[in-house]
Amino acid sequence: MYIVIGLGNPGRNYVNTRHNVGFDAVDLLSKKYDVKLNKLKFHAVFGDFKLGNEKVMLVKPQTYMNRSGISVLDIMNYYKVPIENVIVIYDDIDLELGMLRIRAKGSSGTHNGMKSVIYQIQSEDFPRIRIGIGKNPGINLADFVLQKFSSKERELVNEVIVTAVEAVEDIIINNVDSAMNKYNKKIQN
């Protein structure tokens, strides 16, 4: 079993914001595999499907970004899933817009949602897919990540999200090294 967790903030105010690209990736996966994210448990909405022989659970924590780890820990404890089968997708201001980075493990960097996940599960040893949203030093960080993308930026981000979905599939079907070799490059517009 694999658990794919997109980080974001629940509620209409946060739809299509920079901080919610993790949710966007899970939404695209759910659309592609006709999964209804209509189950509510573990402080999250979720649904599941089969990819090959693997059961895959798609998760959107409903705890708000800075408390995402609570949901991740609840799910991991309930399903007893190996940590290497938990894939977290999230935004990263330290990557320029149009970049995608996959890692088998690592620190949280500056991302508070990832800090919460790592704190709660007491490990950094899980695959993650980082979607670059860039940064604007002229704007307060909290305001920036809660902004919506411009239409041109949204086009590029949508391409990156499609690639993130392909990377999730590759991790599940093959392994994280395969996905890193294929997808750790800049998406050109």
Protein backbone atom coordinates (compact mmCIF):
# COMPACT_ATOMS: atom_id res chain seq x y z
CA MET A 1 0.00 0.00 0.00
CA TYR A 2 1.10 3.55 -0.78
CA ILE A 3 -0.19 6.75 0.75
CA VAL A 4 0.07 9.88 -1.40
CA ILE A 5 -0.40 13.03 0.66
CA GLY A 6 -0.80 16.45 -0.89
CA LEU A 7 -0.15 19.30 1.52
CA GLY A 8 -2.35 22.37 1.45
CA ASN A 9 -4.97 24.32 3.34
CA PRO A 10 -8.66 23.37 3.36
CA GLY A 11 -11.33 25.88 2.40
CA ARG A 12 -12.37 27.95 -0.59
CA ASN A 13 -10.09 30.85 0.30
CA TYR A 14 -7.03 28.68 -0.41
CA VAL A 15 -8.09 27.05 -3.68
CA ASN A 16 -5.55 27.69 -6.48
CA THR A 17 -3.04 29.35 -4.14
CA ARG A 18 0.68 28.67 -4.29
CA HIS A 19 0.58 26.82 -0.97
CA ASN A 20 -2.01 24.34 -2.29
CA VAL A 21 -0.18 22.75 -5.21
CA GLY A 22 0.05 19.53 -3.17
CA PHE A 23 -3.75 19.45 -3.01
CA ASP A 24 -3.85 20.21 -6.75
CA ALA A 25 -1.65 17.18 -7.51
CA VAL A 26 -3.85 14.89 -5.41
CA ASP A 27 -6.93 16.32 -7.15
CA LEU A 28 -5.39 15.55 -10.56
CA LEU A 29 -4.57 11.99 -9.46
CA SER A 30 -8.12 11.55 -8.18
CA LYS A 31 -9.54 12.81 -11.46
CA LYS A 32 -7.22 10.61 -13.54
CA TYR A 33 -8.17 7.45 -11.62
CA ASP A 34 -11.80 8.44 -10.95
CA VAL A 35 -11.29 8.45 -7.19
CA LYS A 36 -13.81 10.25 -5.02
CA LEU A 37 -12.10 12.03 -2.13
CA ASN A 38 -15.19 11.71 0.02
CA LYS A 39 -14.04 9.72 3.04
CA LEU A 40 -13.39 11.76 6.17
CA LYS A 41 -11.14 10.31 8.87
CA PHE A 42 -7.62 10.87 10.19
CA HIS A 43 -8.16 14.67 10.05
CA ALA A 44 -8.23 14.30 6.24
CA VAL A 45 -10.35 13.68 3.18
CA PHE A 46 -9.24 10.68 1.19
CA GLY A 47 -10.06 7.98 -1.32
CA ASP A 48 -8.26 4.98 -2.73
CA PHE A 49 -7.69 3.01 -5.92
CA LYS A 50 -5.46 0.28 -7.35
CA LEU A 51 -2.39 1.04 -9.44
CA GLY A 52 -1.12 -2.27 -10.74
CA ASN A 53 -1.10 -4.53 -7.71
CA GLU A 54 -0.78 -1.69 -5.21
CA LYS A 55 -3.54 -0.07 -3.24
CA VAL A 56 -2.99 3.70 -3.30
CA MET A 57 -4.60 6.09 -0.85
CA LEU A 58 -4.91 9.75 -1.89
CA VAL A 59 -4.99 12.13 1.07
CA LYS A 60 -5.62 15.83 1.64
CA PRO A 61 -5.10 16.73 5.33
CA GLN A 62 -7.76 19.08 6.69
CA THR A 63 -5.67 20.34 9.61
CA TYR A 64 -4.21 23.38 7.83
CA MET A 65 -0.66 23.33 6.59
CA ASN A 66 1.24 23.87 9.84
CA ARG A 67 -0.45 20.86 11.46
CA SER A 68 -0.32 18.43 8.51
CA GLY A 69 1.78 15.94 10.46
CA ILE A 70 -1.13 15.11 12.76
CA SER A 71 -3.06 13.66 9.82
CA VAL A 72 -0.02 11.86 8.38
CA LEU A 73 0.78 10.23 11.74
CA ASP A 74 -2.84 9.10 12.23
CA ILE A 75 -2.92 7.42 8.81
CA MET A 76 0.49 5.78 9.20
CA ASN A 77 -0.41 4.42 12.64
CA TYR A 78 -3.73 3.03 11.42
CA TYR A 79 -2.49 1.36 8.23
CA LYS A 80 1.02 0.43 9.45
CA VAL A 81 2.43 1.53 6.08
CA PRO A 82 6.23 1.48 5.73
CA ILE A 83 7.59 5.01 5.76
CA GLU A 84 9.13 4.58 2.29
CA ASN A 85 5.56 4.06 0.95
CA VAL A 86 4.40 7.50 2.09
CA ILE A 87 4.79 10.09 -0.68
CA VAL A 88 4.31 13.76 0.23
CA ILE A 89 3.72 16.43 -2.42
CA TYR A 90 4.13 20.09 -1.52
CA ASP A 91 5.10 23.58 -2.68
CA ASP A 92 8.63 24.85 -2.33
CA ILE A 93 9.61 28.53 -2.40
CA ASP A 94 13.27 27.57 -2.67
CA LEU A 95 12.67 26.13 -6.14
CA GLU A 96 11.93 28.49 -8.99
CA LEU A 97 8.56 28.27 -10.65
CA GLY A 98 8.64 25.40 -13.13
CA MET A 99 11.01 23.20 -11.14
CA LEU A 100 10.19 19.78 -9.77
CA ARG A 101 12.40 17.92 -7.32
CA ILE A 102 11.95 14.41 -6.05
CA ARG A 103 13.92 13.12 -3.08
CA ALA A 104 13.89 9.78 -1.28
CA LYS A 105 14.36 11.58 2.04
CA GLY A 106 15.59 14.85 3.50
CA SER A 107 14.91 17.78 5.77
CA SER A 108 11.87 20.04 5.80
CA GLY A 109 13.79 23.04 4.52
CA THR A 110 11.74 26.15 5.22
CA HIS A 111 8.35 24.43 4.78
CA ASN A 112 6.20 24.47 7.92
CA GLY A 113 3.91 21.68 6.70
CA MET A 114 6.91 19.41 6.23
CA LYS A 115 8.28 20.45 9.61
CA SER A 116 5.00 19.26 11.12
CA VAL A 117 5.11 15.95 9.21
CA ILE A 118 8.72 15.23 10.21
CA TYR A 119 8.07 16.22 13.83
CA GLN A 120 4.99 14.02 14.13
CA ILE A 121 6.34 10.88 12.44
CA GLN A 122 9.87 11.41 13.83
CA SER A 123 11.57 10.66 10.53
CA GLU A 124 12.79 12.34 7.34
CA ASP A 125 13.05 9.03 5.47
CA PHE A 126 10.06 9.24 3.13
CA PRO A 127 9.83 10.23 -0.54
CA ARG A 128 8.72 13.72 -1.37
CA ILE A 129 7.86 15.66 -4.50
CA ARG A 130 8.56 19.38 -4.29
CA ILE A 131 6.85 21.71 -6.73
CA GLY A 132 8.67 25.01 -7.21
CA ILE A 133 6.54 28.11 -6.68
CA GLY A 134 9.41 30.60 -6.62
CA LYS A 135 9.51 33.54 -4.25
CA ASN A 136 9.09 37.27 -4.24
CA PRO A 137 11.35 39.00 -1.71
CA GLY A 138 9.18 42.12 -1.92
CA ILE A 139 6.20 40.33 -0.36
CA ASN A 140 5.78 38.85 3.11
CA LEU A 141 6.29 35.07 2.80
CA ALA A 142 2.89 34.16 4.31
CA ASP A 143 1.12 36.56 1.94
CA PHE A 144 3.09 35.24 -1.03
CA VAL A 145 2.31 31.54 -0.52
CA LEU A 146 -1.38 32.34 -0.03
CA GLN A 147 -1.55 34.26 -3.33
CA LYS A 148 -3.15 32.83 -6.42
CA PHE A 149 -0.95 32.33 -9.47
CA SER A 150 -1.16 34.66 -12.47
CA SER A 151 -2.72 32.98 -15.52
CA LYS A 152 0.71 32.50 -17.14
CA GLU A 153 2.17 31.08 -13.91
CA ARG A 154 -0.87 28.80 -13.55
CA GLU A 155 -0.24 27.30 -16.99
CA LEU A 156 3.32 26.42 -16.02
CA VAL A 157 2.28 25.10 -12.60
CA ASN A 158 -0.38 22.92 -14.22
CA GLU A 159 2.33 21.35 -16.42
CA VAL A 160 4.48 20.72 -13.36
CA ILE A 161 1.53 19.15 -11.54
CA VAL A 162 0.98 16.77 -14.48
CA THR A 163 4.66 15.81 -14.21
CA ALA A 164 4.32 15.37 -10.42
CA VAL A 165 1.45 12.93 -11.04
CA GLU A 166 3.61 10.97 -13.48
CA ALA A 167 6.38 10.93 -10.87
CA VAL A 168 4.00 9.51 -8.24
CA GLU A 169 3.03 6.74 -10.65
CA ASP A 170 6.69 6.01 -11.40
CA ILE A 171 7.58 5.82 -7.70
CA ILE A 172 4.76 3.34 -7.10
CA ILE A 173 5.33 1.22 -10.22
CA ASN A 174 9.14 1.32 -10.21
CA ASN A 175 10.82 3.14 -7.33
CA VAL A 176 11.88 6.59 -6.16
CA ASP A 177 15.28 6.36 -7.90
CA SER A 178 13.56 5.80 -11.24
CA ALA A 179 11.37 8.85 -10.69
CA MET A 180 14.33 11.01 -9.63
CA ASN A 181 16.25 10.04 -12.77
CA LYS A 182 13.32 10.85 -15.05
CA TYR A 183 11.74 13.92 -13.47
CA ASN A 184 14.35 15.97 -11.61
CA LYS A 185 14.62 18.62 -14.31
CA LYS A 186 13.12 21.97 -15.15
CA ILE A 187 9.82 22.05 -16.99
CA GLN A 188 10.14 24.44 -19.93
CA ASN A 189 7.28 26.62 -21.07
